[in-house]
Amino acid sequence: MKTIFMLITLIFFSGSVSLAQLNYKVKQLKPDQVPSEVKASFAEKFPDIKLVKWEKHTAKGKRFKGSKYVARFFEDKLPVRSRFSVNGNPRTATTYYLGKKIKRLPEPVKAYAKKNYPKFKLRNGRKIISLKSDKYMYVIKLKKAATVMHVFLNKNGQELSKENIAKELREAAEANETEE
């Protein structure tokens, strides 16, 4: 019982510390509120996408500072978020594999989870793409009871260490945690 109380206290304390270190705001935007450079960059990267919801994300904290524009849309019936700097430079895009859409993750990614974490359940997945370099990776979320893990994989289902992940992809994975 004492251990459970200490664990709950630790979780509560760590959550309140992280919230105190980051002030993160999301503002819903109408298309006419989005700078033309951002919309032009989006149209260049995603020419077939017409239905878009725009957001402006602003962070003030020790690790994240600044603003970015986020376009939310569906591509091939999967939810996607693409991110752009305030001057329109493309950053990253994340495709989300949620619920029944987990089945659409590449077979090597699903096979890795099943083989290496047989007692864990695959909860969801994301494909994070650098819109600058076209490098990408998959992030899968695994859960067993109260234990949650995020595993980074390449398209062949090979686990990536933090050192082997391109900087822009690593930053996008961290930003995804903040956005959700």
C-alpha atoms as a PDB file:
ATOM      1  CA  MET A   1       0.000   0.000   0.000  1.00  0.00           C
ATOM      2  CA  LYS A   2       2.850   2.335   0.878  1.00  0.00           C
ATOM      3  CA  THR A   3       4.454   1.595  -2.503  1.00  0.00           C
ATOM      4  CA  ILE A   4       1.233   2.409  -4.362  1.00  0.00           C
ATOM      5  CA  PHE A   5       0.887   5.709  -2.491  1.00  0.00           C
ATOM      6  CA  MET A   6       4.503   6.627  -3.299  1.00  0.00           C
ATOM      7  CA  LEU A   7       3.982   5.737  -6.966  1.00  0.00           C
ATOM      8  CA  ILE A   8       0.818   7.855  -7.207  1.00  0.00           C
ATOM      9  CA  THR A   9       2.591  10.749  -5.487  1.00  0.00           C
ATOM     10  CA  LEU A  10       5.537  10.458  -7.884  1.00  0.00           C
ATOM     11  CA  ILE A  11       3.264  10.426 -10.942  1.00  0.00           C
ATOM     12  CA  PHE A  12       1.306  13.449  -9.694  1.00  0.00           C
ATOM     13  CA  PHE A  13       4.464  15.386  -8.828  1.00  0.00           C
ATOM     14  CA  SER A  14       6.215  14.646 -12.135  1.00  0.00           C
ATOM     15  CA  GLY A  15       3.105  15.677 -14.089  1.00  0.00           C
ATOM     16  CA  SER A  16       2.785  18.974 -12.255  1.00  0.00           C
ATOM     17  CA  VAL A  17       6.491  19.742 -12.721  1.00  0.00           C
ATOM     18  CA  SER A  18       6.314  19.138 -16.482  1.00  0.00           C
ATOM     19  CA  LEU A  19       3.193  21.303 -16.789  1.00  0.00           C
ATOM     20  CA  ALA A  20       4.915  24.103 -14.922  1.00  0.00           C
ATOM     21  CA  GLN A  21       7.835  23.973 -17.372  1.00  0.00           C
ATOM     22  CA  LEU A  22       5.734  24.256 -20.530  1.00  0.00           C
ATOM     23  CA  ASN A  23       3.020  26.676 -21.507  1.00  0.00           C
ATOM     24  CA  TYR A  24       1.495  25.224 -24.688  1.00  0.00           C
ATOM     25  CA  LYS A  25      -1.419  26.846 -26.514  1.00  0.00           C
ATOM     26  CA  VAL A  26      -3.386  25.682 -29.546  1.00  0.00           C
ATOM     27  CA  LYS A  27      -5.538  28.155 -31.463  1.00  0.00           C
ATOM     28  CA  GLN A  28      -8.005  26.992 -34.120  1.00  0.00           C
ATOM     29  CA  LEU A  29      -7.699  29.089 -37.291  1.00  0.00           C
ATOM     30  CA  LYS A  30      -9.842  29.877 -40.291  1.00  0.00           C
ATOM     31  CA  PRO A  31      -8.032  29.437 -43.629  1.00  0.00           C
ATOM     32  CA  ASP A  32      -7.805  33.204 -44.140  1.00  0.00           C
ATOM     33  CA  GLN A  33      -5.875  33.491 -40.841  1.00  0.00           C
ATOM     34  CA  VAL A  34      -3.062  31.262 -42.123  1.00  0.00           C
ATOM     35  CA  PRO A  35      -0.140  33.067 -43.817  1.00  0.00           C
ATOM     36  CA  SER A  36      -0.021  32.617 -47.592  1.00  0.00           C
ATOM     37  CA  GLU A  37       3.542  31.179 -47.358  1.00  0.00           C
ATOM     38  CA  VAL A  38       2.284  28.396 -45.089  1.00  0.00           C
ATOM     39  CA  LYS A  39      -0.673  27.567 -47.343  1.00  0.00           C
ATOM     40  CA  ALA A  40       1.555  27.586 -50.438  1.00  0.00           C
ATOM     41  CA  SER A  41       4.034  25.234 -48.774  1.00  0.00           C
ATOM     42  CA  PHE A  42       1.196  22.930 -47.730  1.00  0.00           C
ATOM     43  CA  ALA A  43      -0.237  22.917 -51.279  1.00  0.00           C
ATOM     44  CA  GLU A  44       3.186  22.015 -52.659  1.00  0.00           C
ATOM     45  CA  LYS A  45       3.641  19.085 -50.249  1.00  0.00           C
ATOM     46  CA  PHE A  46       0.023  17.854 -50.313  1.00  0.00           C
ATOM     47  CA  PRO A  47      -1.463  18.956 -53.680  1.00  0.00           C
ATOM     48  CA  ASP A  48      -4.436  16.563 -53.546  1.00  0.00           C
ATOM     49  CA  ILE A  49      -5.654  17.588 -50.083  1.00  0.00           C
ATOM     50  CA  LYS A  50      -8.419  20.203 -50.091  1.00  0.00           C
ATOM     51  CA  LEU A  51     -10.171  19.782 -46.719  1.00  0.00           C
ATOM     52  CA  VAL A  52      -7.843  21.093 -44.015  1.00  0.00           C
ATOM     53  CA  LYS A  53      -8.280  22.305 -40.449  1.00  0.00           C
ATOM     54  CA  TRP A  54      -5.627  24.761 -39.371  1.00  0.00           C
ATOM     55  CA  GLU A  55      -4.141  25.391 -35.929  1.00  0.00           C
ATOM     56  CA  LYS A  56      -1.436  27.643 -34.558  1.00  0.00           C
ATOM     57  CA  HIS A  57       0.613  26.062 -31.776  1.00  0.00           C
ATOM     58  CA  THR A  58       2.613  28.277 -29.445  1.00  0.00           C
ATOM     59  CA  ALA A  59       4.973  26.957 -26.785  1.00  0.00           C
ATOM     60  CA  LYS A  60       6.814  28.754 -24.038  1.00  0.00           C
ATOM     61  CA  GLY A  61       9.041  26.614 -21.877  1.00  0.00           C
ATOM     62  CA  LYS A  62      12.517  25.303 -21.264  1.00  0.00           C
ATOM     63  CA  ARG A  63      12.533  22.750 -24.094  1.00  0.00           C
ATOM     64  CA  PHE A  64      10.084  24.178 -26.618  1.00  0.00           C
ATOM     65  CA  LYS A  65       9.769  27.822 -27.612  1.00  0.00           C
ATOM     66  CA  GLY A  66       8.087  29.432 -30.568  1.00  0.00           C
ATOM     67  CA  SER A  67       5.143  28.926 -32.858  1.00  0.00           C
ATOM     68  CA  LYS A  68       4.215  26.655 -35.734  1.00  0.00           C
ATOM     69  CA  TYR A  69       1.232  26.064 -37.971  1.00  0.00           C
ATOM     70  CA  VAL A  70      -0.375  22.638 -38.002  1.00  0.00           C
ATOM     71  CA  ALA A  71      -2.612  21.366 -40.792  1.00  0.00           C
ATOM     72  CA  ARG A  72      -4.976  18.534 -39.816  1.00  0.00           C
ATOM     73  CA  PHE A  73      -6.485  16.404 -42.579  1.00  0.00           C
ATOM     74  CA  PHE A  74      -7.128  12.863 -43.776  1.00  0.00           C
ATOM     75  CA  GLU A  75      -5.031  11.096 -46.370  1.00  0.00           C
ATOM     76  CA  ASP A  76      -6.033   7.632 -47.513  1.00  0.00           C
ATOM     77  CA  LYS A  77      -8.625   7.643 -44.664  1.00  0.00           C
ATOM     78  CA  LEU A  78      -5.902   8.096 -42.021  1.00  0.00           C
ATOM     79  CA  PRO A  79      -5.574  11.212 -39.842  1.00  0.00           C
ATOM     80  CA  VAL A  80      -2.497  13.319 -40.597  1.00  0.00           C
ATOM     81  CA  ARG A  81      -0.942  16.393 -39.007  1.00  0.00           C
ATOM     82  CA  SER A  82       1.641  18.370 -40.946  1.00  0.00           C
ATOM     83  CA  ARG A  83       3.716  21.089 -39.342  1.00  0.00           C
ATOM     84  CA  PHE A  84       5.139  24.287 -40.825  1.00  0.00           C
ATOM     85  CA  SER A  85       7.267  27.090 -39.430  1.00  0.00           C
ATOM     86  CA  VAL A  86       5.722  30.552 -39.177  1.00  0.00           C
ATOM     87  CA  ASN A  87       7.456  31.547 -42.424  1.00  0.00           C
ATOM     88  CA  GLY A  88       6.109  28.506 -44.286  1.00  0.00           C
ATOM     89  CA  ASN A  89       9.062  26.125 -44.163  1.00  0.00           C
ATOM     90  CA  PRO A  90       7.800  22.529 -44.059  1.00  0.00           C
ATOM     91  CA  ARG A  91       8.838  20.555 -40.980  1.00  0.00           C
ATOM     92  CA  THR A  92       7.187  17.174 -40.449  1.00  0.00           C
ATOM     93  CA  ALA A  93       4.017  15.216 -41.037  1.00  0.00           C
ATOM     94  CA  THR A  94       2.612  12.484 -38.829  1.00  0.00           C
ATOM     95  CA  THR A  95       0.173   9.827 -39.971  1.00  0.00           C
ATOM     96  CA  TYR A  96      -1.751   8.169 -37.135  1.00  0.00           C
ATOM     97  CA  TYR A  97      -2.700   4.486 -37.075  1.00  0.00           C
ATOM     98  CA  LEU A  98      -5.444   4.357 -34.444  1.00  0.00           C
ATOM     99  CA  GLY A  99      -8.045   1.747 -33.536  1.00  0.00           C
ATOM    100  CA  LYS A 100      -8.689  -0.688 -36.366  1.00  0.00           C
ATOM    101  CA  LYS A 101      -6.285   1.256 -38.585  1.00  0.00           C
ATOM    102  CA  ILE A 102      -3.376  -0.360 -36.673  1.00  0.00           C
ATOM    103  CA  LYS A 103      -3.745  -3.188 -39.184  1.00  0.00           C
ATOM    104  CA  ARG A 104      -2.446  -0.802 -41.864  1.00  0.00           C
ATOM    105  CA  LEU A 105       0.980  -0.456 -40.252  1.00  0.00           C
ATOM    106  CA  PRO A 106       3.664  -2.172 -42.342  1.00  0.00           C
ATOM    107  CA  GLU A 107       3.970  -5.900 -41.642  1.00  0.00           C
ATOM    108  CA  PRO A 108       7.618  -5.680 -40.464  1.00  0.00           C
ATOM    109  CA  VAL A 109       6.609  -3.076 -37.850  1.00  0.00           C
ATOM    110  CA  LYS A 110       3.754  -5.221 -36.506  1.00  0.00           C
ATOM    111  CA  ALA A 111       5.921  -8.359 -36.609  1.00  0.00           C
ATOM    112  CA  TYR A 112       8.638  -6.648 -34.555  1.00  0.00           C
ATOM    113  CA  ALA A 113       6.157  -5.753 -31.821  1.00  0.00           C
ATOM    114  CA  LYS A 114       4.713  -9.267 -31.751  1.00  0.00           C
ATOM    115  CA  LYS A 115       8.112 -10.986 -31.680  1.00  0.00           C
ATOM    116  CA  ASN A 116       9.953  -8.694 -29.257  1.00  0.00           C
ATOM    117  CA  TYR A 117       7.110  -7.685 -26.944  1.00  0.00           C
ATOM    118  CA  PRO A 118       4.746 -10.698 -26.945  1.00  0.00           C
ATOM    119  CA  LYS A 119       3.113  -9.798 -23.627  1.00  0.00           C
ATOM    120  CA  PHE A 120       2.398  -6.221 -24.706  1.00  0.00           C
ATOM    121  CA  LYS A 121      -0.585  -5.031 -26.731  1.00  0.00           C
ATOM    122  CA  LEU A 122       0.027  -2.795 -29.729  1.00  0.00           C
ATOM    123  CA  ARG A 123      -2.117   0.274 -28.905  1.00  0.00           C
ATOM    124  CA  ASN A 124      -1.355   2.579 -31.848  1.00  0.00           C
ATOM    125  CA  GLY A 125       1.302   3.671 -34.281  1.00  0.00           C
ATOM    126  CA  ARG A 126       2.547   6.752 -36.068  1.00  0.00           C
ATOM    127  CA  LYS A 127       4.592   7.369 -39.172  1.00  0.00           C
ATOM    128  CA  ILE A 128       6.650  10.529 -38.799  1.00  0.00           C
ATOM    129  CA  ILE A 129       8.080  12.022 -41.994  1.00  0.00           C
ATOM    130  CA  SER A 130      10.533  14.891 -42.370  1.00  0.00           C
ATOM    131  CA  LEU A 131       9.070  17.160 -45.041  1.00  0.00           C
ATOM    132  CA  LYS A 132      12.594  18.517 -45.643  1.00  0.00           C
ATOM    133  CA  SER A 133      14.487  15.293 -46.254  1.00  0.00           C
ATOM    134  CA  ASP A 134      11.718  12.690 -46.736  1.00  0.00           C
ATOM    135  CA  LYS A 135      13.326  10.557 -43.991  1.00  0.00           C
ATOM    136  CA  TYR A 136      10.775   8.743 -41.879  1.00  0.00           C
ATOM    137  CA  MET A 137      10.267   6.364 -38.992  1.00  0.00           C
ATOM    138  CA  TYR A 138       7.478   4.575 -37.180  1.00  0.00           C
ATOM    139  CA  VAL A 139       6.654   4.972 -33.507  1.00  0.00           C
ATOM    140  CA  ILE A 140       4.557   2.263 -31.905  1.00  0.00           C
ATOM    141  CA  LYS A 141       2.894   2.468 -28.526  1.00  0.00           C
ATOM    142  CA  LEU A 142       2.868  -0.786 -26.559  1.00  0.00           C
ATOM    143  CA  LYS A 143       1.002  -1.377 -23.315  1.00  0.00           C
ATOM    144  CA  LYS A 144       0.987  -4.086 -20.661  1.00  0.00           C
ATOM    145  CA  ALA A 145      -1.065  -3.285 -17.541  1.00  0.00           C
ATOM    146  CA  ALA A 146       0.260   0.095 -16.336  1.00  0.00           C
ATOM    147  CA  THR A 147       3.454  -0.097 -18.403  1.00  0.00           C
ATOM    148  CA  VAL A 148       3.500   1.961 -21.602  1.00  0.00           C
ATOM    149  CA  MET A 149       6.388   1.954 -24.067  1.00  0.00           C
ATOM    150  CA  HIS A 150       7.134   3.896 -27.227  1.00  0.00           C
ATOM    151  CA  VAL A 151       9.396   2.069 -29.678  1.00  0.00           C
ATOM    152  CA  PHE A 152      11.036   3.723 -32.695  1.00  0.00           C
ATOM    153  CA  LEU A 153      11.380   1.586 -35.835  1.00  0.00           C
ATOM    154  CA  ASN A 154      12.438   1.930 -39.441  1.00  0.00           C
ATOM    155  CA  LYS A 155      10.286   0.678 -42.328  1.00  0.00           C
ATOM    156  CA  ASN A 156      11.952  -2.749 -42.095  1.00  0.00           C
ATOM    157  CA  GLY A 157      10.869  -3.198 -38.489  1.00  0.00           C
ATOM    158  CA  GLN A 158      14.319  -2.606 -37.013  1.00  0.00           C
ATOM    159  CA  GLU A 159      14.456  -0.725 -33.719  1.00  0.00           C
ATOM    160  CA  LEU A 160      16.189   2.644 -33.822  1.00  0.00           C
ATOM    161  CA  SER A 161      18.234   4.070 -30.983  1.00  0.00           C
ATOM    162  CA  LYS A 162      17.916   7.789 -30.280  1.00  0.00           C
ATOM    163  CA  GLU A 163      21.376   8.307 -31.796  1.00  0.00           C
ATOM    164  CA  ASN A 164      20.201   6.769 -35.107  1.00  0.00           C
ATOM    165  CA  ILE A 165      17.142   8.986 -35.479  1.00  0.00           C
ATOM    166  CA  ALA A 166      17.423  12.118 -37.588  1.00  0.00           C
ATOM    167  CA  LYS A 167      17.183  15.258 -35.459  1.00  0.00           C
ATOM    168  CA  GLU A 168      13.998  16.542 -37.124  1.00  0.00           C
ATOM    169  CA  LEU A 169      12.273  13.180 -36.576  1.00  0.00           C
ATOM    170  CA  ARG A 170      13.325  13.029 -32.934  1.00  0.00           C
ATOM    171  CA  GLU A 171      11.996  16.562 -32.384  1.00  0.00           C
ATOM    172  CA  ALA A 172       8.746  15.658 -34.138  1.00  0.00           C
ATOM    173  CA  ALA A 173       8.278  12.598 -31.927  1.00  0.00           C
ATOM    174  CA  GLU A 174       8.706  14.797 -28.853  1.00  0.00           C
ATOM    175  CA  ALA A 175       6.356  17.427 -30.284  1.00  0.00           C
ATOM    176  CA  ASN A 176       3.734  14.747 -30.982  1.00  0.00           C
ATOM    177  CA  GLU A 177       3.674  13.895 -27.299  1.00  0.00           C
ATOM    178  CA  THR A 178       3.056  17.562 -26.484  1.00  0.00           C
ATOM    179  CA  GLU A 179       0.301  17.986 -29.111  1.00  0.00           C
ATOM    180  CA  GLU A 180      -1.782  15.030 -28.016  1.00  0.00           C
END
